[in-house]
Amino acid sequence: MSNDVRASELQTYLDRLLAVGEFKDYGPNGLQVEGTAVVRRLASAVTASRAAIDAAIEAGADALIVHHGLFWRGQDGRLTGWLAERVRRLMAHGIHLFAYHLPLDAHAEFGNNAQLGLRLGWRADARFGEQDLGFIGDAGAIGDAAAVARHVAQALGREPLLLPGDGRAVRRVAWCSGGAQGYFEAAIAAGADLYLTGEVSEPQAHLARETGVAFLACGHHATERYGAPALAAHVAERFGLEHRFIDIDNPA
């Protein structure tokens, strides 16, 4: 049997746990769409896509926790097209939508970077980059960048794009999930021999060649599959709720 928990109680707990007020972000963190008053079943997903929302409806969820919510800086605010369709589904079925972006990346236990490091066998001993979102630590005895790439491919289930740098042994590894290719220079300055993130842009190829530091682009979705379900599982255990992780495949 699941407990009955008020959405306001969940919101208060999540906002405090993730220290939402400490972050400057690209959109609102916390409750984005209000549903029914009581939560019994909880779902989680990386993104509040229509497929994830439909799966949450099918699972009988009363609340959905995601990393990528519906509202972002720069939108014009009109509920039309695809955005209206997602909101309509949530509201028609009384589902609360909770979205946590940078606060979920940063959390030391349930965050995307902490959980990604856990799966790769890396423990951060320092932070770097804007708002301390980047993690850095010892790589262990894996070897060079090509060996790290093989290790990551096995752990994440997809082949990363490798910019190999100068072929040095990788002793210090830095990582930041998702679209954090712009943190490469900060990772280099922090002493990394290899930097791992989700995406790559044109400048990173030149930086890898010129600095000798390797760069791994492992997929935005593939590097951010772990925070939302870890957070939701923790919340479900604490409040006595049912929980289901909805993993919608994304090649990006």
Protein backbone atom coordinates (compact mmCIF):
# COMPACT_ATOMS: atom_id res chain seq x y z
CA MET A 1 0.00 0.00 0.00
CA SER A 2 1.20 3.49 -0.87
CA ASN A 3 0.84 6.45 1.43
CA ASP A 4 -1.09 9.58 0.54
CA VAL A 5 1.27 12.57 0.38
CA ARG A 6 0.39 16.15 -0.43
CA ALA A 7 2.18 17.59 -3.44
CA SER A 8 3.09 20.67 -1.39
CA GLU A 9 4.92 18.43 1.07
CA LEU A 10 6.89 16.82 -1.75
CA GLN A 11 7.73 20.19 -3.24
CA THR A 12 9.00 21.56 0.07
CA TYR A 13 11.18 18.51 0.64
CA LEU A 14 12.59 18.44 -2.91
CA ASP A 15 13.32 22.17 -3.01
CA ARG A 16 15.22 21.98 0.28
CA LEU A 17 17.06 18.77 -0.58
CA LEU A 18 18.29 20.20 -3.90
CA ALA A 19 18.98 23.71 -2.53
CA VAL A 20 17.03 25.23 -5.40
CA GLY A 21 17.48 28.80 -4.21
CA GLU A 22 21.26 28.61 -4.61
CA PHE A 23 21.20 28.24 -8.41
CA LYS A 24 20.83 30.59 -11.34
CA ASP A 25 19.11 28.47 -13.98
CA TYR A 26 17.57 28.57 -17.46
CA GLY A 27 14.03 27.93 -16.24
CA PRO A 28 11.92 27.40 -13.12
CA ASN A 29 12.88 24.57 -10.77
CA GLY A 30 10.27 22.77 -8.70
CA LEU A 31 6.58 22.32 -9.38
CA GLN A 32 5.88 23.34 -13.00
CA VAL A 33 2.38 21.91 -13.49
CA GLU A 34 -0.02 21.38 -10.59
CA GLY A 35 -2.11 18.23 -10.51
CA THR A 36 -4.31 16.59 -7.88
CA ALA A 37 -3.76 17.27 -4.18
CA VAL A 38 -2.59 13.77 -3.16
CA VAL A 39 0.33 11.73 -4.53
CA ARG A 40 0.44 7.94 -4.22
CA ARG A 41 2.39 6.85 -7.31
CA LEU A 42 5.52 8.59 -8.53
CA ALA A 43 7.15 8.36 -11.96
CA SER A 44 10.48 9.74 -13.12
CA ALA A 45 12.02 10.46 -16.52
CA VAL A 46 14.87 12.47 -17.98
CA THR A 47 12.60 14.78 -19.99
CA ALA A 48 8.93 15.74 -19.78
CA SER A 49 8.33 14.54 -23.34
CA ARG A 50 4.90 13.51 -24.55
CA ALA A 51 6.05 9.87 -24.58
CA ALA A 52 7.16 10.10 -20.94
CA ILE A 53 3.93 11.82 -19.93
CA ASP A 54 1.85 9.17 -21.71
CA ALA A 55 3.83 6.42 -19.98
CA ALA A 56 3.25 8.13 -16.61
CA ILE A 57 -0.47 8.25 -17.36
CA GLU A 58 -0.46 4.54 -18.24
CA ALA A 59 1.40 3.78 -14.99
CA GLY A 60 -1.24 5.63 -12.97
CA ALA A 61 1.30 8.16 -11.66
CA ASP A 62 0.12 11.16 -9.68
CA ALA A 63 3.45 12.99 -10.04
CA LEU A 64 6.32 12.98 -12.52
CA ILE A 65 9.87 14.06 -11.59
CA VAL A 66 12.13 15.06 -14.50
CA HIS A 67 15.42 16.79 -15.20
CA HIS A 68 14.24 18.64 -18.32
CA GLY A 69 10.93 20.37 -17.66
CA LEU A 70 8.59 22.29 -19.94
CA PHE A 71 9.46 25.94 -19.45
CA TRP A 72 12.73 27.59 -20.41
CA ARG A 73 14.12 31.08 -20.57
CA GLY A 74 13.45 32.64 -23.97
CA GLN A 75 10.11 30.94 -24.62
CA ASP A 76 7.29 33.31 -25.50
CA GLY A 77 4.97 31.73 -22.91
CA ARG A 78 2.09 30.72 -25.17
CA LEU A 79 0.59 27.28 -24.61
CA THR A 80 0.29 26.16 -28.23
CA GLY A 81 1.39 23.20 -30.33
CA TRP A 82 3.58 20.54 -28.73
CA LEU A 83 3.81 22.42 -25.42
CA ALA A 84 0.04 22.71 -25.11
CA GLU A 85 -0.31 19.02 -25.88
CA ARG A 86 2.04 18.02 -23.08
CA VAL A 87 0.41 20.34 -20.54
CA ARG A 88 -3.07 19.21 -21.63
CA ARG A 89 -2.19 15.57 -20.93
CA LEU A 90 -0.76 16.35 -17.50
CA MET A 91 -3.72 18.45 -16.44
CA ALA A 92 -6.35 16.09 -17.86
CA HIS A 93 -4.98 13.32 -15.66
CA GLY A 94 -4.16 15.47 -12.62
CA ILE A 95 -0.42 14.74 -12.73
CA HIS A 96 2.00 17.05 -10.93
CA LEU A 97 5.18 17.84 -12.87
CA PHE A 98 8.33 18.50 -10.85
CA ALA A 99 11.41 19.58 -12.81
CA TYR A 100 14.92 20.11 -11.45
CA HIS A 101 17.63 21.17 -13.87
CA LEU A 102 20.96 22.50 -12.53
CA PRO A 103 20.13 21.62 -8.90
CA LEU A 104 19.82 17.99 -9.98
CA ASP A 105 23.10 18.11 -11.92
CA ALA A 106 24.92 19.41 -8.86
CA HIS A 107 23.56 17.31 -5.98
CA ALA A 108 26.36 15.35 -4.32
CA GLU A 109 24.36 12.13 -3.90
CA PHE A 110 21.33 12.01 -6.20
CA GLY A 111 22.54 14.35 -8.94
CA ASN A 112 23.31 13.42 -12.52
CA ASN A 113 27.06 13.92 -12.07
CA ALA A 114 27.23 12.01 -8.80
CA GLN A 115 25.22 9.13 -10.23
CA LEU A 116 27.20 9.12 -13.50
CA GLY A 117 30.44 8.96 -11.54
CA LEU A 118 29.04 6.09 -9.48
CA ARG A 119 28.39 4.05 -12.63
CA LEU A 120 31.83 4.81 -14.02
CA GLY A 121 33.60 4.05 -10.75
CA TRP A 122 34.74 7.65 -10.21
CA ARG A 123 34.46 9.67 -7.01
CA ALA A 124 34.85 13.44 -7.18
CA ASP A 125 37.31 15.06 -4.79
CA ALA A 126 36.80 18.58 -6.15
CA ARG A 127 34.40 20.72 -8.21
CA PHE A 128 35.02 23.18 -11.03
CA GLY A 129 33.18 25.41 -13.47
CA GLU A 130 30.30 27.82 -13.15
CA GLN A 131 28.21 27.14 -10.01
CA ASP A 132 30.57 24.22 -9.22
CA LEU A 133 28.64 21.93 -11.55
CA GLY A 134 31.71 20.05 -12.83
CA PHE A 135 33.14 17.05 -10.95
CA ILE A 136 36.81 15.94 -10.98
CA GLY A 137 38.64 13.04 -9.38
CA ASP A 138 41.13 10.22 -9.87
CA ALA A 139 40.50 7.98 -12.87
CA GLY A 140 42.00 4.85 -11.36
CA ALA A 141 44.13 2.44 -13.36
CA ILE A 142 42.14 2.49 -16.61
CA GLY A 143 44.93 3.73 -18.90
CA ASP A 144 44.84 6.18 -21.78
CA ALA A 145 41.87 7.98 -23.34
CA ALA A 146 41.03 5.08 -25.67
CA ALA A 147 40.82 2.72 -22.68
CA VAL A 148 38.59 5.20 -20.84
CA ALA A 149 36.35 5.42 -23.92
CA ARG A 150 35.95 1.62 -23.95
CA HIS A 151 35.16 1.62 -20.23
CA VAL A 152 32.53 4.34 -20.69
CA ALA A 153 30.97 2.59 -23.70
CA GLN A 154 30.50 -0.57 -21.67
CA ALA A 155 29.06 1.30 -18.67
CA LEU A 156 26.65 3.53 -20.62
CA GLY A 157 25.72 1.17 -23.45
CA ARG A 158 26.74 3.45 -26.32
CA GLU A 159 29.93 4.40 -28.13
CA PRO A 160 31.23 7.86 -27.23
CA LEU A 161 32.95 10.27 -29.58
CA LEU A 162 36.59 10.53 -28.56
CA LEU A 163 38.95 13.43 -29.18
CA PRO A 164 42.12 11.69 -27.95
CA GLY A 165 44.35 14.61 -27.06
CA ASP A 166 48.05 13.74 -26.94
CA GLY A 167 47.66 10.12 -25.78
CA ARG A 168 48.79 10.73 -22.20
CA ALA A 169 47.82 8.39 -19.37
CA VAL A 170 44.54 9.52 -17.81
CA ARG A 171 45.14 10.08 -14.11
CA ARG A 172 42.63 12.88 -13.43
CA VAL A 173 39.22 12.77 -15.06
CA ALA A 174 36.61 15.52 -15.08
CA TRP A 175 32.96 15.19 -16.00
CA CYS A 176 29.76 17.19 -16.29
CA SER A 177 26.64 15.62 -17.75
CA GLY A 178 24.48 16.87 -20.62
CA GLY A 179 25.37 19.87 -22.78
CA ALA A 180 28.42 20.99 -20.82
CA GLN A 181 30.98 21.09 -23.63
CA GLY A 182 31.60 24.73 -22.71
CA TYR A 183 33.17 23.56 -19.43
CA PHE A 184 36.13 21.96 -21.25
CA GLU A 185 38.48 24.88 -20.61
CA ALA A 186 37.56 24.92 -16.91
CA ALA A 187 38.24 21.17 -16.73
CA ILE A 188 41.66 21.69 -18.33
CA ALA A 189 42.43 24.45 -15.83
CA ALA A 190 41.37 22.13 -12.99
CA GLY A 191 44.04 19.61 -14.03
CA ALA A 192 42.04 17.03 -15.98
CA ASP A 193 43.73 14.65 -18.41
CA LEU A 194 40.30 13.81 -19.88
CA TYR A 195 36.95 15.56 -19.83
CA LEU A 196 33.64 13.74 -20.28
CA THR A 197 30.29 15.32 -21.08
CA GLY A 198 27.25 14.66 -23.24
CA GLU A 199 27.78 16.84 -26.30
CA VAL A 200 30.58 18.27 -28.43
CA SER A 201 30.86 21.47 -30.46
CA GLU A 202 33.42 22.59 -33.03
CA PRO A 203 35.84 24.38 -30.66
CA GLN A 204 36.50 21.32 -28.49
CA ALA A 205 38.36 19.48 -31.27
CA HIS A 206 40.91 22.30 -31.48
CA LEU A 207 41.28 22.54 -27.70
CA ALA A 208 41.93 18.80 -27.40
CA ARG A 209 44.64 18.98 -30.08
CA GLU A 210 46.28 22.10 -28.70
CA THR A 211 46.19 21.24 -24.98
CA GLY A 212 46.60 17.46 -25.20
CA VAL A 213 43.61 16.89 -22.92
CA ALA A 214 41.19 14.25 -24.22
CA PHE A 215 37.47 14.91 -24.67
CA LEU A 216 34.65 12.36 -24.58
CA ALA A 217 31.15 13.19 -25.85
CA CYS A 218 28.89 10.41 -24.57
CA GLY A 219 25.37 11.65 -25.37
CA HIS A 220 23.22 14.16 -23.53
CA HIS A 221 20.56 11.62 -22.63
CA ALA A 222 23.05 8.84 -21.88
CA THR A 223 24.87 10.95 -19.30
CA GLU A 224 21.67 12.21 -17.64
CA ARG A 225 19.68 8.98 -17.27
CA TYR A 226 20.55 8.49 -13.62
CA GLY A 227 19.75 11.55 -11.55
CA ALA A 228 15.97 11.72 -11.88
CA PRO A 229 15.34 8.03 -11.03
CA ALA A 230 17.80 8.15 -8.12
CA LEU A 231 16.08 11.23 -6.71
CA ALA A 232 12.60 9.80 -7.23
CA ALA A 233 13.56 6.45 -5.68
CA HIS A 234 14.82 8.29 -2.61
CA VAL A 235 11.63 10.33 -2.35
CA ALA A 236 9.47 7.24 -2.85
CA GLU A 237 11.28 5.40 -0.05
CA ARG A 238 11.11 8.37 2.31
CA PHE A 239 7.38 9.00 1.80
CA GLY A 240 6.21 5.42 1.19
CA LEU A 241 5.24 5.89 -2.47
CA GLU A 242 5.36 3.60 -5.47
CA HIS A 243 7.91 4.59 -8.10
CA ARG A 244 8.55 3.73 -11.73
CA PHE A 245 11.39 5.05 -13.93
CA ILE A 246 10.34 5.76 -17.51
CA ASP A 247 13.32 5.55 -19.85
CA ILE A 248 12.46 7.06 -23.24
CA ASP A 249 15.31 6.28 -25.66
CA ASN A 250 17.05 9.30 -27.16
CA PRO A 251 20.09 9.06 -29.48
CA ALA A 252 21.11 12.66 -28.79
